[in-house]
Amino acid sequence: MRRLTAGLFSSVDGVVEDPHLWQLDSFDDELGAGMGAMISRVDTVLLGRRGYEEWAQYWPAAEAADPFGAFINPVEKFVASRSLSGPLGWTNASLMDRPLEDFVRALKQTEGGDIAVCASISLVRRLMFAGLLDSLTLMIHPVVAGAGRHLFEAADPVTRLELQEVTTTSRGNVLASYGLRAGSVGE
């Protein structure tokens, strides 16, 4: 069975939205290497509509030398959307043909590398609380963002996690990967 992963930049106060506003000078070589290791195992990406629309405008025109652009442009991409229709314009991108959770359950049963959720806080949340997310990596920067959307909300169910791996970089970033404890959603 294929693994479903997600990686989000996070501030110390839990903001995961618009990291370009608060990452500042904390991105370092070790963080880049950690991201490189994550994407090296991925051959399929899941996106929400909003993330797809933003990234489809930016990444195809990005510099060819950009390592993330070299990954994201050719990789197989599936988009969860109720408002998009027809063929999608970005290379190797297509719409999911059934509800998100059903699509992901079936996709995890196919052959291939890891499947990564990218550019969508809401997809990460839905798939985590559906028990489908195998690994969530938070790349925590040493900054308090103060404002912005958080991954978790006050009404979320108690959900127990297991630490899978943790690394600290020279600039104080913490890469912490968690998995769901068996049967832990809503405990």
C-alpha atoms as a PDB file:
ATOM      1  CA  MET A   1       0.000   0.000   0.000  1.00  0.00           C
ATOM      2  CA  ARG A   2       1.245   3.488  -0.865  1.00  0.00           C
ATOM      3  CA  ARG A   3       1.882   6.034   1.895  1.00  0.00           C
ATOM      4  CA  LEU A   4       0.038   9.358   2.023  1.00  0.00           C
ATOM      5  CA  THR A   5       2.183  12.201   3.347  1.00  0.00           C
ATOM      6  CA  ALA A   6       1.924  15.936   3.899  1.00  0.00           C
ATOM      7  CA  GLY A   7       4.505  18.547   4.801  1.00  0.00           C
ATOM      8  CA  LEU A   8       3.638  22.032   5.983  1.00  0.00           C
ATOM      9  CA  PHE A   9       5.748  24.993   6.991  1.00  0.00           C
ATOM     10  CA  SER A  10       4.640  26.145  10.430  1.00  0.00           C
ATOM     11  CA  SER A  11       5.448  28.984  12.783  1.00  0.00           C
ATOM     12  CA  VAL A  12       5.971  28.258  16.481  1.00  0.00           C
ATOM     13  CA  ASP A  13       2.455  29.578  17.152  1.00  0.00           C
ATOM     14  CA  GLY A  14       0.986  27.092  14.656  1.00  0.00           C
ATOM     15  CA  VAL A  15       0.346  29.287  11.609  1.00  0.00           C
ATOM     16  CA  VAL A  16       0.645  27.279   8.367  1.00  0.00           C
ATOM     17  CA  GLU A  17      -0.800  29.792   5.905  1.00  0.00           C
ATOM     18  CA  ASP A  18       1.369  32.007   3.677  1.00  0.00           C
ATOM     19  CA  PRO A  19       4.784  30.964   5.020  1.00  0.00           C
ATOM     20  CA  HIS A  20       6.477  33.372   2.596  1.00  0.00           C
ATOM     21  CA  LEU A  21       5.294  36.150   4.932  1.00  0.00           C
ATOM     22  CA  TRP A  22       7.154  34.829   7.986  1.00  0.00           C
ATOM     23  CA  GLN A  23       9.893  32.389   6.912  1.00  0.00           C
ATOM     24  CA  LEU A  24      12.340  35.286   6.689  1.00  0.00           C
ATOM     25  CA  ASP A  25      15.938  34.013   6.828  1.00  0.00           C
ATOM     26  CA  SER A  26      15.241  30.686   8.542  1.00  0.00           C
ATOM     27  CA  PHE A  27      15.273  28.495   5.425  1.00  0.00           C
ATOM     28  CA  ASP A  28      18.606  26.648   5.480  1.00  0.00           C
ATOM     29  CA  ASP A  29      20.436  23.866   3.663  1.00  0.00           C
ATOM     30  CA  GLU A  30      19.308  21.209   6.144  1.00  0.00           C
ATOM     31  CA  LEU A  31      15.657  22.192   5.652  1.00  0.00           C
ATOM     32  CA  GLY A  32      16.188  22.028   1.891  1.00  0.00           C
ATOM     33  CA  ALA A  33      17.762  18.573   2.256  1.00  0.00           C
ATOM     34  CA  GLY A  34      14.823  17.409   4.390  1.00  0.00           C
ATOM     35  CA  MET A  35      12.367  18.628   1.788  1.00  0.00           C
ATOM     36  CA  GLY A  36      14.428  16.969  -0.937  1.00  0.00           C
ATOM     37  CA  ALA A  37      14.316  13.667   0.940  1.00  0.00           C
ATOM     38  CA  MET A  38      10.524  13.952   1.306  1.00  0.00           C
ATOM     39  CA  ILE A  39       9.857  14.667  -2.364  1.00  0.00           C
ATOM     40  CA  SER A  40      12.342  12.043  -3.585  1.00  0.00           C
ATOM     41  CA  ARG A  41       9.853   9.341  -2.476  1.00  0.00           C
ATOM     42  CA  VAL A  42       6.803  11.057  -4.054  1.00  0.00           C
ATOM     43  CA  ASP A  43       5.449  10.304  -7.505  1.00  0.00           C
ATOM     44  CA  THR A  44       1.871  11.548  -7.065  1.00  0.00           C
ATOM     45  CA  VAL A  45       0.605  14.860  -5.636  1.00  0.00           C
ATOM     46  CA  LEU A  46      -2.867  15.810  -4.386  1.00  0.00           C
ATOM     47  CA  LEU A  47      -4.004  19.438  -4.550  1.00  0.00           C
ATOM     48  CA  GLY A  48      -7.133  21.359  -3.695  1.00  0.00           C
ATOM     49  CA  ARG A  49      -8.657  23.729  -6.241  1.00  0.00           C
ATOM     50  CA  ARG A  50      -7.218  26.915  -4.758  1.00  0.00           C
ATOM     51  CA  GLY A  51      -3.710  25.463  -4.419  1.00  0.00           C
ATOM     52  CA  TYR A  52      -3.910  24.062  -7.931  1.00  0.00           C
ATOM     53  CA  GLU A  53      -4.933  27.413  -9.410  1.00  0.00           C
ATOM     54  CA  GLU A  54      -2.144  29.293  -7.578  1.00  0.00           C
ATOM     55  CA  TRP A  55       0.574  26.753  -8.344  1.00  0.00           C
ATOM     56  CA  ALA A  56      -0.514  26.190 -11.972  1.00  0.00           C
ATOM     57  CA  GLN A  57       0.033  29.910 -12.576  1.00  0.00           C
ATOM     58  CA  TYR A  58       3.428  30.031 -10.856  1.00  0.00           C
ATOM     59  CA  TRP A  59       5.365  26.751 -11.217  1.00  0.00           C
ATOM     60  CA  PRO A  60       5.220  26.139 -14.992  1.00  0.00           C
ATOM     61  CA  ALA A  61       6.931  29.527 -15.506  1.00  0.00           C
ATOM     62  CA  ALA A  62       9.472  29.101 -12.672  1.00  0.00           C
ATOM     63  CA  GLU A  63      13.172  28.917 -13.426  1.00  0.00           C
ATOM     64  CA  ALA A  64      14.189  25.518 -14.774  1.00  0.00           C
ATOM     65  CA  ALA A  65      16.953  25.272 -12.139  1.00  0.00           C
ATOM     66  CA  ASP A  66      14.476  25.459  -9.245  1.00  0.00           C
ATOM     67  CA  PRO A  67      14.513  22.007  -7.593  1.00  0.00           C
ATOM     68  CA  PHE A  68      10.869  22.151  -6.505  1.00  0.00           C
ATOM     69  CA  GLY A  69       9.767  23.265  -9.971  1.00  0.00           C
ATOM     70  CA  ALA A  70      11.721  20.353 -11.464  1.00  0.00           C
ATOM     71  CA  PHE A  71       9.720  18.056  -9.164  1.00  0.00           C
ATOM     72  CA  ILE A  72       6.212  19.559  -9.261  1.00  0.00           C
ATOM     73  CA  ASN A  73       5.870  20.306 -12.970  1.00  0.00           C
ATOM     74  CA  PRO A  74       6.227  16.749 -14.366  1.00  0.00           C
ATOM     75  CA  VAL A  75       4.805  14.806 -11.383  1.00  0.00           C
ATOM     76  CA  GLU A  76       1.329  13.214 -11.577  1.00  0.00           C
ATOM     77  CA  LYS A  77      -1.183  15.610  -9.951  1.00  0.00           C
ATOM     78  CA  PHE A  78      -4.786  15.004  -8.886  1.00  0.00           C
ATOM     79  CA  VAL A  79      -7.020  17.927  -7.982  1.00  0.00           C
ATOM     80  CA  ALA A  80      -9.996  17.838  -5.605  1.00  0.00           C
ATOM     81  CA  SER A  81     -12.565  20.346  -6.828  1.00  0.00           C
ATOM     82  CA  ARG A  82     -16.318  20.765  -7.097  1.00  0.00           C
ATOM     83  CA  SER A  83     -16.046  23.805  -9.373  1.00  0.00           C
ATOM     84  CA  LEU A  84     -13.359  22.935 -11.954  1.00  0.00           C
ATOM     85  CA  SER A  85     -14.284  20.826 -14.966  1.00  0.00           C
ATOM     86  CA  GLY A  86     -12.797  19.406 -18.121  1.00  0.00           C
ATOM     87  CA  PRO A  87      -9.120  18.829 -18.820  1.00  0.00           C
ATOM     88  CA  LEU A  88      -6.694  20.812 -16.670  1.00  0.00           C
ATOM     89  CA  GLY A  89      -3.968  22.916 -18.271  1.00  0.00           C
ATOM     90  CA  TRP A  90      -0.972  21.995 -16.094  1.00  0.00           C
ATOM     91  CA  THR A  91       1.157  19.052 -17.209  1.00  0.00           C
ATOM     92  CA  ASN A  92       0.037  15.696 -15.726  1.00  0.00           C
ATOM     93  CA  ALA A  93      -2.845  17.287 -13.770  1.00  0.00           C
ATOM     94  CA  SER A  94      -6.343  15.849 -13.707  1.00  0.00           C
ATOM     95  CA  LEU A  95      -9.458  16.094 -11.580  1.00  0.00           C
ATOM     96  CA  MET A  96     -10.345  13.439  -9.033  1.00  0.00           C
ATOM     97  CA  ASP A  97     -13.187  11.338 -10.408  1.00  0.00           C
ATOM     98  CA  ARG A  98     -14.944  10.653  -7.070  1.00  0.00           C
ATOM     99  CA  PRO A  99     -15.166  12.060  -3.539  1.00  0.00           C
ATOM    100  CA  LEU A 100     -11.768  12.830  -1.948  1.00  0.00           C
ATOM    101  CA  GLU A 101     -11.694  10.071   0.676  1.00  0.00           C
ATOM    102  CA  ASP A 102     -12.857   7.393  -1.793  1.00  0.00           C
ATOM    103  CA  PHE A 103     -10.345   8.567  -4.396  1.00  0.00           C
ATOM    104  CA  VAL A 104      -7.456   8.491  -1.910  1.00  0.00           C
ATOM    105  CA  ARG A 105      -8.397   5.053  -0.526  1.00  0.00           C
ATOM    106  CA  ALA A 106      -8.324   3.642  -4.072  1.00  0.00           C
ATOM    107  CA  LEU A 107      -5.131   5.504  -5.017  1.00  0.00           C
ATOM    108  CA  LYS A 108      -3.292   4.164  -1.955  1.00  0.00           C
ATOM    109  CA  GLN A 109      -4.023   0.621  -3.225  1.00  0.00           C
ATOM    110  CA  THR A 110      -2.202   1.209  -6.532  1.00  0.00           C
ATOM    111  CA  GLU A 111       1.493   0.654  -7.271  1.00  0.00           C
ATOM    112  CA  GLY A 112       3.891   3.562  -6.893  1.00  0.00           C
ATOM    113  CA  GLY A 113       5.787   5.803  -4.531  1.00  0.00           C
ATOM    114  CA  ASP A 114       4.478   8.090  -1.822  1.00  0.00           C
ATOM    115  CA  ILE A 115       1.484  10.331  -2.441  1.00  0.00           C
ATOM    116  CA  ALA A 116       1.875  13.881  -1.089  1.00  0.00           C
ATOM    117  CA  VAL A 117      -0.771  16.443  -0.223  1.00  0.00           C
ATOM    118  CA  CYS A 118       0.504  19.869  -1.304  1.00  0.00           C
ATOM    119  CA  ALA A 119      -0.770  23.445  -1.039  1.00  0.00           C
ATOM    120  CA  SER A 120      -3.983  22.607   0.819  1.00  0.00           C
ATOM    121  CA  ILE A 121      -4.564  22.951   4.541  1.00  0.00           C
ATOM    122  CA  SER A 122      -8.143  21.700   4.153  1.00  0.00           C
ATOM    123  CA  LEU A 123      -7.124  18.505   2.323  1.00  0.00           C
ATOM    124  CA  VAL A 124      -4.507  17.720   4.990  1.00  0.00           C
ATOM    125  CA  ARG A 125      -7.155  18.156   7.706  1.00  0.00           C
ATOM    126  CA  ARG A 126      -9.805  16.070   5.941  1.00  0.00           C
ATOM    127  CA  LEU A 127      -7.435  13.230   5.132  1.00  0.00           C
ATOM    128  CA  MET A 128      -5.903  13.218   8.598  1.00  0.00           C
ATOM    129  CA  PHE A 129      -9.245  13.071  10.388  1.00  0.00           C
ATOM    130  CA  ALA A 130     -10.437  10.416   7.907  1.00  0.00           C
ATOM    131  CA  GLY A 131      -7.501   8.285   9.095  1.00  0.00           C
ATOM    132  CA  LEU A 132      -5.853   8.258   5.654  1.00  0.00           C
ATOM    133  CA  LEU A 133      -2.749  10.384   6.305  1.00  0.00           C
ATOM    134  CA  ASP A 134       0.277   8.220   7.135  1.00  0.00           C
ATOM    135  CA  SER A 135       2.766  10.985   7.909  1.00  0.00           C
ATOM    136  CA  LEU A 136       2.452  14.701   8.663  1.00  0.00           C
ATOM    137  CA  THR A 137       5.702  16.649   8.691  1.00  0.00           C
ATOM    138  CA  LEU A 138       5.633  20.073  10.282  1.00  0.00           C
ATOM    139  CA  MET A 139       8.628  22.211   9.338  1.00  0.00           C
ATOM    140  CA  ILE A 140       8.534  24.583  12.293  1.00  0.00           C
ATOM    141  CA  HIS A 141      10.386  27.858  11.836  1.00  0.00           C
ATOM    142  CA  PRO A 142      11.700  29.805  14.840  1.00  0.00           C
ATOM    143  CA  VAL A 143       9.201  32.633  14.455  1.00  0.00           C
ATOM    144  CA  VAL A 144       5.860  33.711  15.885  1.00  0.00           C
ATOM    145  CA  ALA A 145       3.694  34.636  12.898  1.00  0.00           C
ATOM    146  CA  GLY A 146       0.969  36.224  15.010  1.00  0.00           C
ATOM    147  CA  ALA A 147      -1.762  35.929  12.386  1.00  0.00           C
ATOM    148  CA  GLY A 148      -2.847  33.420   9.787  1.00  0.00           C
ATOM    149  CA  ARG A 149      -4.635  30.145   9.420  1.00  0.00           C
ATOM    150  CA  HIS A 150      -3.727  27.237  11.695  1.00  0.00           C
ATOM    151  CA  LEU A 151      -3.845  23.581  10.700  1.00  0.00           C
ATOM    152  CA  PHE A 152      -5.860  22.591  13.756  1.00  0.00           C
ATOM    153  CA  GLU A 153      -9.014  24.232  15.078  1.00  0.00           C
ATOM    154  CA  ALA A 154     -10.691  24.391  18.486  1.00  0.00           C
ATOM    155  CA  ALA A 155     -13.511  22.031  17.447  1.00  0.00           C
ATOM    156  CA  ASP A 156     -11.181  19.261  16.211  1.00  0.00           C
ATOM    157  CA  PRO A 157     -11.482  15.877  17.913  1.00  0.00           C
ATOM    158  CA  VAL A 158      -8.786  14.718  20.310  1.00  0.00           C
ATOM    159  CA  THR A 159      -6.388  12.804  18.071  1.00  0.00           C
ATOM    160  CA  ARG A 160      -3.334  10.989  19.359  1.00  0.00           C
ATOM    161  CA  LEU A 161      -0.171  11.006  17.269  1.00  0.00           C
ATOM    162  CA  GLU A 162       3.119   9.143  17.295  1.00  0.00           C
ATOM    163  CA  LEU A 163       6.405  10.919  16.632  1.00  0.00           C
ATOM    164  CA  GLN A 164       8.029   9.238  13.624  1.00  0.00           C
ATOM    165  CA  GLU A 165      11.125  11.399  13.225  1.00  0.00           C
ATOM    166  CA  VAL A 166      12.533  14.734  14.385  1.00  0.00           C
ATOM    167  CA  THR A 167      15.446  16.829  13.129  1.00  0.00           C
ATOM    168  CA  THR A 168      16.692  20.257  14.189  1.00  0.00           C
ATOM    169  CA  THR A 169      18.582  22.443  11.713  1.00  0.00           C
ATOM    170  CA  SER A 170      21.409  24.927  12.289  1.00  0.00           C
ATOM    171  CA  ARG A 171      19.008  27.890  11.997  1.00  0.00           C
ATOM    172  CA  GLY A 172      16.612  26.445  14.566  1.00  0.00           C
ATOM    173  CA  ASN A 173      14.028  24.842  12.303  1.00  0.00           C
ATOM    174  CA  VAL A 174      12.436  21.672  13.659  1.00  0.00           C
ATOM    175  CA  LEU A 175      11.237  19.039  11.200  1.00  0.00           C
ATOM    176  CA  ALA A 176       8.841  16.830  13.134  1.00  0.00           C
ATOM    177  CA  SER A 177       6.998  13.973  11.428  1.00  0.00           C
ATOM    178  CA  TYR A 178       3.941  12.411  13.061  1.00  0.00           C
ATOM    179  CA  GLY A 179       1.647   9.527  12.266  1.00  0.00           C
ATOM    180  CA  LEU A 180      -1.772   8.706  13.672  1.00  0.00           C
ATOM    181  CA  ARG A 181      -1.881   6.208  16.497  1.00  0.00           C
ATOM    182  CA  ALA A 182      -4.094   3.298  15.498  1.00  0.00           C
ATOM    183  CA  GLY A 183      -7.728   4.085  16.268  1.00  0.00           C
ATOM    184  CA  SER A 184      -6.824   7.483  17.712  1.00  0.00           C
ATOM    185  CA  VAL A 185      -9.100   9.931  15.859  1.00  0.00           C
ATOM    186  CA  GLY A 186     -11.780  11.101  18.259  1.00  0.00           C
ATOM    187  CA  GLU A 187     -10.383   9.291  21.320  1.00  0.00           C
END
